[in-house]
Amino acid sequence: MASSITICLNHWKFWAQVTVNNEVPMNNQEHQPHNHGKVGKYIPMFHEEDEIISQIYIIEKDTPGYHVCRLEHVCVEPNKTILYTKSEKATQILETRFNKKCYKKKKHRKKSNNSYSGSKNNGENSLNLLDRKFCDCFSYSAPYSFQHETPATKVATIFNATPTYLVYNWLPHHHLSHFAFSTVNLHSILQHNVFYALPAFKSILFQDLPPDGFTAYERGIWDIIMHGGRLAAVESVEFLRRVGGDDRERKCFTRLYSSTQSETYAQSPADLAVFRTTAERVLGLDITRRQCPPSRALILVRDKNNSRSRTIVNLWHVQKLLAAKGITQIDTRNMSGSMTLAEQAAAISQYGLIISSHSSQLTNLLFAHTHAAVMELGVVYKRGFRHLGRMAGLRYVNSVGHKPERVGYGYRGLYPRLLRECNFTRMGMGDVEEEEGEGKGCALTRREVEAMKNSDYRVNLEFFERDLDSVLEFLERKCFRSAGWIL
């Protein structure tokens, strides 16, 4: 059995003093500016007739929209949550009731902040409202499993009573931007700790991280969380990590809190503003106070060694068009893992216009100037950062419809069909939800969509100029009190 990795706060504070401004005080866990005294009502998922030992509590009317779940008497593995039943029969009944149906619904249901799309009873695959809320307590890549608790497993299972929050892994692999999603989401949830009746957490459990724990960049984000997230009571941070074969680490808890809405940084601009304000103080930035953003443009380029490079093939033409619009300060750079979070945050805060392919480098929009504008370029729409831009108050444009390059033989003739059939305007707004068998605003197969999302591309200068003009108009409006954004 693999051993867990634990970071004690004594050691934590040692390196936190190196990377964080020590004059910034941690927020007191009793300071609650966003709660207004309202308390949500938890309702139990299971009842006595279900013959289950574990219990899931869900919020009846989840006003903040984070879908926080309270799990009791459960065990967690790197990619699974185990719910214990009293009999083999109960296990079979619950598996029949939920298995496969949850993920089928989650895959096809349009996501929203605080609603569950209703559907007519279509027989075997239908789930009622309560059952769908149960499904939302688990992620597709880290599902649940019902197990009958035998006398042998009962003796072997020791439930930890330490108040713990579980940061879910919602992808099959660790990724920097997904770490930021999950942790900033936790920070946002903690702004509503009264509504969710959250305890003073003494332990944070990450479901999946590399063996060495945080990277330097992730450590910097976590420093900000610790200062602004009401986590003064936290004594340890632990990691469940995947290992080969059946050797899976398992931890069991009397009570565990979690949310699988962790692919969103925040459900309201006010919640994300708390993180950004804290980041300003911790990192010494100035991103929320000035009306006019800096009159500089940044083009983020990806590492060419990346198998999904999404490289702009005609970058020089893009730079030339920017210059023709009067933009004199244009920088092109790659914010690699060798830069600390403080360095990347300071760099991106110095630009009013940010242009990039879909890239984890856009995680740094957390630290962009409030009135900056962002253009994410690509062949087709790829979700992930647009929501962050909106929550941060940025002008965010998905510029799509650009020509794919260096794609597989079977996709080389796809671009004329894209131009002919795709609604790029609607796709660029990000309001077309992808479903199996079709793309966003196009009649594409899932495989075709994935190929287009990850291909290199040649910027269609006509499309780019149209989107650029709308962005520049926004920037000029924000700078109308000064000499304008383009100096």
Protein backbone atom coordinates (compact mmCIF):
# COMPACT_ATOMS: atom_id res chain seq x y z
CA MET A 1 0.00 0.00 0.00
CA ALA A 2 1.41 3.38 -1.01
CA SER A 3 1.85 5.92 1.74
CA SER A 4 0.22 9.33 1.60
CA ILE A 5 2.12 12.57 1.29
CA THR A 6 1.48 15.15 3.99
CA ILE A 7 2.69 18.72 4.20
CA CYS A 8 2.65 19.93 7.79
CA LEU A 9 1.94 23.60 8.27
CA ASN A 10 5.18 24.05 10.22
CA HIS A 11 7.09 23.21 7.05
CA TRP A 12 4.53 25.03 4.94
CA LYS A 13 5.14 28.31 6.70
CA PHE A 14 8.86 28.00 6.09
CA TRP A 15 8.62 28.23 2.33
CA ALA A 16 5.52 30.46 2.46
CA GLN A 17 7.75 33.10 4.03
CA VAL A 18 9.96 32.92 0.98
CA THR A 19 7.25 33.30 -1.65
CA VAL A 20 4.63 35.44 0.07
CA ASN A 21 4.55 38.96 1.46
CA ASN A 22 4.58 38.19 5.19
CA GLU A 23 2.89 41.47 6.08
CA VAL A 24 -0.37 40.22 4.55
CA PRO A 25 -2.47 38.70 7.36
CA MET A 26 -4.44 35.51 6.85
CA ASN A 27 -8.18 36.12 6.76
CA ASN A 28 -9.89 35.11 9.96
CA GLN A 29 -12.23 32.21 9.38
CA GLU A 30 -14.94 34.12 11.24
CA HIS A 31 -14.86 37.03 8.77
CA GLN A 32 -17.81 36.41 6.44
CA PRO A 33 -18.56 39.28 4.05
CA HIS A 34 -20.56 37.25 1.50
CA ASN A 35 -22.76 35.08 3.72
CA HIS A 36 -25.32 37.55 5.11
CA GLY A 37 -26.37 34.98 7.75
CA LYS A 38 -28.27 32.69 5.37
CA VAL A 39 -27.84 28.95 5.94
CA GLY A 40 -28.60 26.32 3.31
CA LYS A 41 -30.58 23.20 4.16
CA TYR A 42 -28.87 19.84 3.72
CA ILE A 43 -31.14 16.94 2.89
CA PRO A 44 -30.14 13.24 3.04
CA MET A 45 -29.87 11.27 -0.17
CA PHE A 46 -30.52 7.86 1.34
CA HIS A 47 -33.02 6.54 3.86
CA GLU A 48 -33.34 3.51 6.10
CA GLU A 49 -34.94 1.36 3.42
CA ASP A 50 -31.87 1.83 1.23
CA GLU A 51 -29.80 -0.23 3.70
CA ILE A 52 -26.74 1.93 3.31
CA ILE A 53 -24.07 2.85 5.87
CA SER A 54 -22.68 5.83 4.00
CA GLN A 55 -24.73 8.98 3.56
CA ILE A 56 -24.70 11.88 1.11
CA TYR A 57 -26.19 15.23 2.03
CA ILE A 58 -27.01 17.79 -0.64
CA ILE A 59 -28.23 21.39 -0.47
CA GLU A 60 -31.92 21.68 -1.27
CA LYS A 61 -31.76 25.20 -2.75
CA ASP A 62 -28.15 25.94 -3.60
CA THR A 63 -28.22 29.72 -4.00
CA PRO A 64 -24.43 30.26 -4.49
CA GLY A 65 -24.43 27.41 -7.06
CA TYR A 66 -21.30 25.46 -6.02
CA HIS A 67 -23.07 22.12 -5.41
CA VAL A 68 -21.24 21.38 -2.18
CA CYS A 69 -21.85 17.84 -0.95
CA ARG A 70 -21.37 16.42 2.54
CA LEU A 71 -20.27 12.80 2.47
CA GLU A 72 -20.40 10.69 5.63
CA HIS A 73 -18.70 7.35 6.32
CA VAL A 74 -17.05 7.10 2.92
CA CYS A 75 -13.63 6.09 1.67
CA VAL A 76 -11.71 7.85 -1.09
CA GLU A 77 -9.14 6.49 -3.54
CA PRO A 78 -7.23 8.51 -6.14
CA ASN A 79 -9.97 8.04 -8.71
CA LYS A 80 -12.97 6.71 -6.81
CA THR A 81 -15.27 7.33 -3.82
CA ILE A 82 -16.56 4.23 -2.02
CA LEU A 83 -20.03 4.13 -0.47
CA TYR A 84 -20.75 1.25 1.90
CA THR A 85 -24.01 -0.69 2.02
CA LYS A 86 -25.41 -3.14 4.60
CA SER A 87 -26.07 -5.99 2.19
CA GLU A 88 -25.12 -7.33 -1.20
CA LYS A 89 -28.73 -6.88 -2.30
CA ALA A 90 -28.63 -3.18 -1.41
CA THR A 91 -25.41 -2.82 -3.42
CA GLN A 92 -27.03 -4.34 -6.49
CA ILE A 93 -30.15 -2.17 -6.18
CA LEU A 94 -28.18 1.05 -5.83
CA GLU A 95 -25.84 0.16 -8.67
CA THR A 96 -28.85 -0.51 -10.89
CA ARG A 97 -30.38 2.79 -9.81
CA PHE A 98 -27.36 4.97 -10.49
CA ASN A 99 -24.50 3.34 -12.38
CA LYS A 100 -23.97 4.60 -15.93
CA LYS A 101 -27.08 6.78 -15.70
CA CYS A 102 -25.27 9.51 -13.75
CA TYR A 103 -22.50 9.96 -16.27
CA LYS A 104 -24.78 9.65 -19.25
CA LYS A 105 -26.86 12.50 -17.84
CA LYS A 106 -23.83 14.58 -16.83
CA LYS A 107 -22.35 14.19 -20.29
CA HIS A 108 -25.41 15.38 -22.15
CA ARG A 109 -26.94 17.82 -19.72
CA LYS A 110 -26.30 21.50 -20.30
CA LYS A 111 -24.41 22.80 -17.29
CA SER A 112 -25.76 25.76 -15.35
CA ASN A 113 -24.87 27.53 -12.13
CA ASN A 114 -27.81 26.42 -10.06
CA SER A 115 -30.32 24.46 -12.09
CA TYR A 116 -30.94 20.96 -13.27
CA SER A 117 -32.48 20.55 -16.68
CA GLY A 118 -35.74 18.70 -16.45
CA SER A 119 -36.58 15.81 -18.72
CA LYS A 120 -39.56 13.63 -19.38
CA ASN A 121 -39.50 10.15 -17.94
CA ASN A 122 -37.94 8.16 -20.73
CA GLY A 123 -37.83 4.90 -18.85
CA GLU A 124 -34.72 3.11 -17.76
CA ASN A 125 -32.24 5.97 -18.23
CA SER A 126 -34.27 8.67 -16.46
CA LEU A 127 -33.25 10.13 -13.09
CA ASN A 128 -35.38 12.26 -10.81
CA LEU A 129 -34.21 15.63 -9.49
CA LEU A 130 -32.81 14.22 -6.23
CA ASP A 131 -30.93 11.46 -8.03
CA ARG A 132 -29.40 13.98 -10.42
CA LYS A 133 -28.17 16.02 -7.47
CA PHE A 134 -26.52 12.87 -6.16
CA CYS A 135 -24.79 12.46 -9.52
CA ASP A 136 -23.43 15.99 -9.24
CA CYS A 137 -21.49 14.97 -6.11
CA PHE A 138 -19.06 12.96 -8.25
CA SER A 139 -16.92 13.63 -11.29
CA TYR A 140 -16.80 11.56 -14.45
CA SER A 141 -13.15 10.59 -13.99
CA ALA A 142 -13.46 9.96 -10.24
CA PRO A 143 -16.80 8.15 -9.87
CA TYR A 144 -18.46 6.43 -6.94
CA SER A 145 -18.66 2.73 -6.15
CA PHE A 146 -21.10 0.88 -3.90
CA GLN A 147 -19.58 -1.88 -1.76
CA HIS A 148 -21.10 -4.26 0.77
CA GLU A 149 -19.38 -3.83 4.13
CA THR A 150 -18.46 -7.30 5.37
CA PRO A 151 -17.20 -8.05 8.91
CA ALA A 152 -13.64 -8.15 7.53
CA THR A 153 -13.86 -4.74 5.83
CA LYS A 154 -15.64 -3.27 8.86
CA VAL A 155 -12.70 -4.14 11.09
CA ALA A 156 -10.20 -2.83 8.53
CA THR A 157 -12.00 0.47 7.91
CA ILE A 158 -11.11 3.29 10.29
CA PHE A 159 -12.98 6.53 9.65
CA ASN A 160 -11.04 9.72 10.30
CA ALA A 161 -13.11 12.35 12.14
CA THR A 162 -10.84 15.30 11.20
CA PRO A 163 -12.84 18.04 9.38
CA THR A 164 -11.60 17.60 5.80
CA TYR A 165 -12.27 19.11 2.39
CA LEU A 166 -11.67 16.95 -0.69
CA VAL A 167 -10.36 18.68 -3.80
CA TYR A 168 -11.64 16.36 -6.51
CA ASN A 169 -9.67 15.20 -9.48
CA TRP A 170 -12.01 15.68 -12.41
CA LEU A 171 -9.63 14.72 -15.21
CA PRO A 172 -7.66 11.49 -15.75
CA HIS A 173 -4.37 13.39 -15.42
CA HIS A 174 -2.93 16.25 -13.41
CA HIS A 175 -2.82 19.63 -15.12
CA LEU A 176 -1.77 23.08 -13.91
CA SER A 177 -4.88 24.92 -15.06
CA HIS A 178 -7.13 22.25 -13.56
CA PHE A 179 -5.32 22.62 -10.26
CA ALA A 180 -6.07 26.34 -10.41
CA PHE A 181 -9.72 25.63 -11.28
CA SER A 182 -10.13 23.40 -8.24
CA THR A 183 -8.30 25.48 -5.65
CA VAL A 184 -9.71 28.87 -6.62
CA ASN A 185 -13.13 27.18 -6.66
CA LEU A 186 -12.49 26.11 -3.04
CA HIS A 187 -11.54 29.70 -2.21
CA SER A 188 -14.86 30.84 -3.70
CA ILE A 189 -16.83 28.24 -1.75
CA LEU A 190 -15.21 29.38 1.48
CA GLN A 191 -16.69 32.84 0.91
CA HIS A 192 -20.04 31.12 1.60
CA ASN A 193 -18.97 29.04 4.58
CA VAL A 194 -22.03 30.06 6.64
CA PHE A 195 -24.47 29.10 3.88
CA TYR A 196 -22.81 25.68 3.45
CA ALA A 197 -22.35 25.26 7.23
CA LEU A 198 -18.69 24.42 6.68
CA PRO A 199 -16.53 23.47 9.65
CA ALA A 200 -13.10 24.95 10.35
CA PHE A 201 -11.22 22.53 8.10
CA LYS A 202 -8.10 21.04 9.65
CA SER A 203 -7.12 19.01 6.60
CA ILE A 204 -7.25 19.46 2.84
CA LEU A 205 -7.07 16.29 0.74
CA PHE A 206 -6.12 16.46 -2.94
CA GLN A 207 -7.40 13.45 -4.82
CA ASP A 208 -4.64 13.38 -7.39
CA LEU A 209 -1.29 15.17 -7.55
CA PRO A 210 2.22 14.21 -8.66
CA PRO A 211 4.35 12.32 -6.09
CA ASP A 212 6.31 15.44 -5.18
CA GLY A 213 3.21 17.48 -4.36
CA PHE A 214 2.85 21.05 -5.54
CA THR A 215 4.91 22.61 -8.28
CA ALA A 216 6.36 26.05 -7.54
CA TYR A 217 3.52 27.70 -9.50
CA GLU A 218 0.85 25.69 -7.67
CA ARG A 219 2.47 26.49 -4.36
CA GLY A 220 2.16 30.19 -5.19
CA ILE A 221 -1.58 29.83 -5.89
CA TRP A 222 -2.04 27.87 -2.68
CA ASP A 223 -0.28 30.61 -0.71
CA ILE A 224 -2.96 33.05 -1.92
CA ILE A 225 -5.73 30.56 -1.02
CA MET A 226 -4.30 30.19 2.49
CA HIS A 227 -4.26 33.95 3.00
CA GLY A 228 -7.71 34.69 1.62
CA GLY A 229 -9.70 31.50 2.03
CA ARG A 230 -10.43 31.27 5.75
CA LEU A 231 -8.17 28.27 6.22
CA ALA A 232 -6.40 29.39 9.37
CA ALA A 233 -7.32 26.13 11.11
CA VAL A 234 -5.67 23.90 8.46
CA GLU A 235 -2.96 21.73 9.97
CA SER A 236 -2.09 19.48 7.04
CA VAL A 237 -2.42 19.15 3.28
CA GLU A 238 -2.44 15.59 1.97
CA PHE A 239 -2.32 13.99 -1.47
CA LEU A 240 -3.87 10.78 -2.72
CA ARG A 241 -1.81 9.71 -5.70
CA ARG A 242 -2.25 7.01 -8.26
CA VAL A 243 0.17 4.14 -8.43
CA GLY A 244 0.47 1.16 -10.73
CA GLY A 245 -1.79 -1.87 -10.72
CA ASP A 246 -4.27 -2.42 -7.89
CA ASP A 247 -2.10 -0.72 -5.27
CA ARG A 248 -4.39 2.20 -4.55
CA GLU A 249 -4.14 4.38 -1.51
CA ARG A 250 -7.39 4.69 0.42
CA LYS A 251 -8.49 7.15 3.11
CA CYS A 252 -11.78 6.98 5.01
CA PHE A 253 -13.69 9.78 6.70
CA THR A 254 -16.56 10.23 9.08
CA ARG A 255 -17.44 13.46 7.30
CA LEU A 256 -16.01 14.89 4.10
CA TYR A 257 -16.99 17.96 2.06
CA SER A 258 -16.43 18.40 -1.66
CA SER A 259 -17.73 19.91 -4.88
CA THR A 260 -17.39 18.70 -8.45
CA GLN A 261 -18.14 22.18 -9.80
CA SER A 262 -14.38 22.68 -9.58
CA GLU A 263 -13.97 23.27 -13.30
CA THR A 264 -15.25 26.79 -12.65
CA TYR A 265 -13.18 29.30 -10.70
CA ALA A 266 -16.22 31.07 -9.29
CA GLN A 267 -19.96 31.33 -9.78
CA SER A 268 -20.00 35.11 -9.35
CA PRO A 269 -17.59 37.98 -10.10
CA ALA A 270 -17.81 39.01 -6.43
CA ASP A 271 -16.38 35.67 -5.29
CA LEU A 272 -13.46 35.80 -7.73
CA ALA A 273 -12.86 39.44 -6.82
CA VAL A 274 -11.96 38.34 -3.29
CA PHE A 275 -9.23 36.08 -4.69
CA ARG A 276 -7.94 38.76 -7.06
CA THR A 277 -7.85 41.39 -4.31
CA THR A 278 -5.95 39.00 -2.06
CA ALA A 279 -3.54 38.25 -4.92
CA GLU A 280 -2.93 41.98 -5.32
CA ARG A 281 -1.85 42.25 -1.70
CA VAL A 282 0.16 39.04 -1.60
CA LEU A 283 1.97 39.57 -4.91
CA GLY A 284 2.14 43.36 -4.86
CA LEU A 285 0.09 43.85 -8.05
CA ASP A 286 -2.18 46.65 -9.24
CA ILE A 287 -4.89 44.94 -11.30
CA THR A 288 -8.25 46.16 -9.97
CA ARG A 289 -7.92 49.87 -9.28
CA ARG A 290 -6.98 51.62 -12.54
CA GLN A 291 -9.69 52.27 -15.14
CA CYS A 292 -7.43 52.15 -18.20
CA PRO A 293 -5.32 49.00 -18.71
CA PRO A 294 -1.69 49.28 -19.87
CA SER A 295 -1.28 50.20 -23.56
CA ARG A 296 0.63 47.04 -24.45
CA ALA A 297 -0.28 43.86 -26.34
CA LEU A 298 0.93 40.36 -25.46
CA ILE A 299 0.90 37.32 -27.74
CA LEU A 300 1.30 34.11 -25.74
CA VAL A 301 2.93 31.30 -27.73
CA ARG A 302 2.98 27.66 -26.76
CA ASP A 303 5.96 25.36 -26.43
CA LYS A 304 6.60 23.85 -29.87
CA ASN A 305 7.63 20.58 -28.22
CA ASN A 306 4.08 20.18 -26.92
CA SER A 307 2.25 17.40 -28.79
CA ARG A 308 -0.80 19.69 -28.86
CA SER A 309 1.06 22.83 -29.80
CA ARG A 310 -1.83 24.87 -31.30
CA THR A 311 0.82 27.02 -32.96
CA ILE A 312 -0.09 30.18 -34.91
CA VAL A 313 1.56 29.42 -38.25
CA ASN A 314 1.37 32.98 -39.61
CA LEU A 315 2.30 34.80 -36.41
CA TRP A 316 4.20 37.49 -38.32
CA HIS A 317 1.03 38.50 -40.19
CA VAL A 318 -0.82 38.83 -36.89
CA GLN A 319 1.92 41.08 -35.50
CA LYS A 320 1.88 43.16 -38.68
CA LEU A 321 -1.89 43.68 -38.45
CA LEU A 322 -1.63 44.74 -34.80
CA ALA A 323 1.03 47.30 -35.75
CA ALA A 324 -1.17 48.58 -38.58
CA LYS A 325 -3.88 49.29 -35.98
CA GLY A 326 -1.47 51.60 -34.15
CA ILE A 327 -0.35 49.22 -31.41
CA THR A 328 3.34 49.98 -30.95
CA GLN A 329 4.21 47.80 -27.96
CA ILE A 330 3.74 44.14 -28.92
CA ASP A 331 5.49 41.40 -26.97
CA THR A 332 5.59 37.70 -27.83
CA ARG A 333 6.49 35.30 -25.06
CA ASN A 334 6.00 31.88 -23.55
CA MET A 335 5.28 31.79 -19.82
CA SER A 336 6.96 28.51 -19.10
CA GLY A 337 7.12 26.46 -15.92
CA SER A 338 10.51 27.98 -15.17
CA MET A 339 8.80 31.26 -14.19
CA THR A 340 7.37 31.57 -10.70
CA LEU A 341 3.75 32.50 -10.17
CA ALA A 342 4.81 35.95 -8.97
CA GLU A 343 6.80 36.50 -12.17
CA GLN A 344 3.99 35.32 -14.45
CA ALA A 345 1.34 37.30 -12.57
CA ALA A 346 3.43 40.48 -12.66
CA ALA A 347 4.07 40.00 -16.38
CA ILE A 348 0.48 39.45 -17.49
CA SER A 349 -0.81 42.36 -15.38
CA GLN A 350 1.22 44.74 -17.57
CA TYR A 351 -0.88 44.19 -20.72
CA GLY A 352 -4.20 45.58 -21.86
CA LEU A 353 -4.57 43.15 -24.79
CA ILE A 354 -3.73 39.44 -24.47
CA ILE A 355 -3.81 37.14 -27.52
CA SER A 356 -3.32 33.39 -27.21
CA SER A 357 -4.25 29.95 -28.40
CA HIS A 358 -6.04 27.76 -25.87
CA SER A 359 -3.27 27.22 -23.33
CA SER A 360 -2.71 26.64 -19.61
CA GLN A 361 -0.83 29.97 -19.74
CA LEU A 362 -4.29 31.59 -19.73
CA THR A 363 -4.58 30.52 -16.09
CA ASN A 364 -2.67 33.74 -15.47
CA LEU A 365 -5.82 35.68 -16.41
CA LEU A 366 -6.47 35.39 -12.69
CA PHE A 367 -3.97 38.23 -12.42
CA ALA A 368 -4.83 40.25 -15.55
CA HIS A 369 -5.90 43.88 -15.30
CA THR A 370 -9.64 44.13 -14.61
CA HIS A 371 -10.35 45.93 -17.91
CA ALA A 372 -7.96 43.98 -20.10
CA ALA A 373 -9.20 42.33 -23.29
CA VAL A 374 -8.45 38.73 -24.27
CA MET A 375 -8.58 37.08 -27.69
CA GLU A 376 -8.39 33.28 -27.62
CA LEU A 377 -7.68 32.04 -31.16
CA GLY A 378 -8.42 28.64 -32.64
CA VAL A 379 -10.15 26.64 -35.32
CA VAL A 380 -13.22 25.86 -33.19
CA TYR A 381 -14.39 26.91 -29.75
CA LYS A 382 -12.66 25.24 -26.79
CA ARG A 383 -14.18 25.83 -23.39
CA GLY A 384 -12.25 26.47 -20.21
CA PHE A 385 -11.03 30.06 -19.91
CA ARG A 386 -13.94 32.12 -21.21
CA HIS A 387 -15.77 31.68 -17.91
CA LEU A 388 -12.67 32.86 -16.02
CA GLY A 389 -12.51 35.95 -18.22
CA ARG A 390 -16.13 36.79 -17.55
CA MET A 391 -15.80 36.31 -13.79
CA ALA A 392 -12.67 38.50 -13.76
CA GLY A 393 -14.47 41.30 -15.63
CA LEU A 394 -12.32 40.97 -18.76
CA ARG A 395 -13.51 41.50 -22.34
CA TYR A 396 -13.18 37.95 -23.66
CA VAL A 397 -13.45 37.07 -27.35
CA ASN A 398 -13.17 33.56 -28.78
CA SER A 399 -11.87 34.25 -32.29
CA VAL A 400 -12.62 31.03 -34.21
CA GLY A 401 -12.81 29.87 -37.80
CA HIS A 402 -9.07 29.89 -38.46
CA LYS A 403 -7.57 27.38 -40.88
CA PRO A 404 -6.21 24.13 -39.38
CA GLU A 405 -2.65 23.20 -40.34
CA ARG A 406 -0.56 20.03 -39.92
CA VAL A 407 -3.56 17.84 -39.23
CA GLY A 408 -4.00 14.18 -40.04
CA TYR A 409 -4.68 13.08 -43.61
CA GLY A 410 -8.36 12.43 -42.92
CA TYR A 411 -8.98 16.03 -41.80
CA ARG A 412 -7.18 17.98 -44.51
CA GLY A 413 -10.33 18.72 -46.49
CA LEU A 414 -12.37 19.73 -43.47
CA TYR A 415 -11.80 23.50 -43.48
CA PRO A 416 -13.99 24.31 -46.56
CA ARG A 417 -16.77 22.36 -44.87
CA LEU A 418 -16.21 24.33 -41.64
CA LEU A 419 -16.52 27.62 -43.51
CA ARG A 420 -19.64 26.42 -45.28
CA GLU A 421 -21.53 24.82 -42.39
CA CYS A 422 -20.35 26.35 -39.10
CA ASN A 423 -21.98 29.21 -37.25
CA PHE A 424 -18.72 30.80 -36.08
CA THR A 425 -20.48 33.80 -34.52
CA ARG A 426 -22.49 31.58 -32.21
CA MET A 427 -19.52 29.30 -31.63
CA GLY A 428 -17.36 32.27 -30.65
CA MET A 429 -19.92 33.28 -28.04
CA GLY A 430 -19.45 29.90 -26.39
CA ASP A 431 -23.18 29.28 -26.01
CA VAL A 432 -23.34 26.08 -28.06
CA GLU A 433 -22.89 23.07 -25.79
CA GLU A 434 -20.96 20.17 -27.22
CA GLU A 435 -22.78 16.86 -27.31
CA GLU A 436 -21.65 13.51 -28.55
CA GLY A 437 -21.70 13.31 -32.32
CA GLU A 438 -21.68 17.04 -32.98
CA GLY A 439 -19.47 20.05 -32.52
CA LYS A 440 -20.21 23.53 -31.28
CA GLY A 441 -22.26 25.16 -34.00
CA CYS A 442 -21.10 22.61 -36.60
CA ALA A 443 -22.21 19.17 -37.72
CA LEU A 444 -18.88 17.59 -36.74
CA THR A 445 -18.13 14.29 -35.09
CA ARG A 446 -16.49 14.29 -31.68
CA ARG A 447 -13.24 13.05 -33.23
CA GLU A 448 -13.28 15.87 -35.77
CA VAL A 449 -13.92 18.43 -33.05
CA GLU A 450 -10.97 17.17 -30.99
CA ALA A 451 -8.68 17.20 -34.03
CA MET A 452 -9.64 20.81 -34.80
CA LYS A 453 -9.29 21.94 -31.17
CA ASN A 454 -5.71 20.74 -30.92
CA SER A 455 -4.35 21.51 -34.39
CA ASP A 456 -1.92 24.23 -35.41
CA TYR A 457 -3.69 26.90 -37.45
CA ARG A 458 -3.26 29.77 -39.88
CA VAL A 459 -5.07 32.87 -38.65
CA ASN A 460 -7.81 34.02 -41.01
CA LEU A 461 -6.88 37.71 -41.07
CA GLU A 462 -10.38 38.82 -42.07
CA PHE A 463 -11.92 37.06 -39.05
CA PHE A 464 -9.12 38.23 -36.79
CA GLU A 465 -9.41 41.88 -37.82
CA ARG A 466 -13.18 41.83 -37.23
CA ASP A 467 -12.71 40.47 -33.70
CA LEU A 468 -9.74 42.76 -33.04
CA ASP A 469 -11.75 45.85 -33.96
CA SER A 470 -14.44 44.95 -31.40
CA VAL A 471 -11.76 44.47 -28.74
CA LEU A 472 -10.04 47.77 -29.52
CA GLU A 473 -13.37 49.57 -29.36
CA PHE A 474 -13.84 48.17 -25.85
CA LEU A 475 -10.36 49.28 -24.76
CA GLU A 476 -10.85 52.78 -26.13
CA ARG A 477 -14.09 53.11 -24.16
CA LYS A 478 -12.31 52.10 -20.96
CA CYS A 479 -9.62 54.70 -21.59
CA PHE A 480 -11.84 57.57 -22.72
CA ARG A 481 -10.82 59.73 -19.72
CA SER A 482 -7.17 59.52 -20.74
CA ALA A 483 -5.54 59.84 -24.15
CA GLY A 484 -7.08 56.54 -25.28
CA TRP A 485 -5.69 53.02 -25.15
CA ILE A 486 -3.71 53.32 -28.38
CA LEU A 487 -1.27 56.09 -27.60
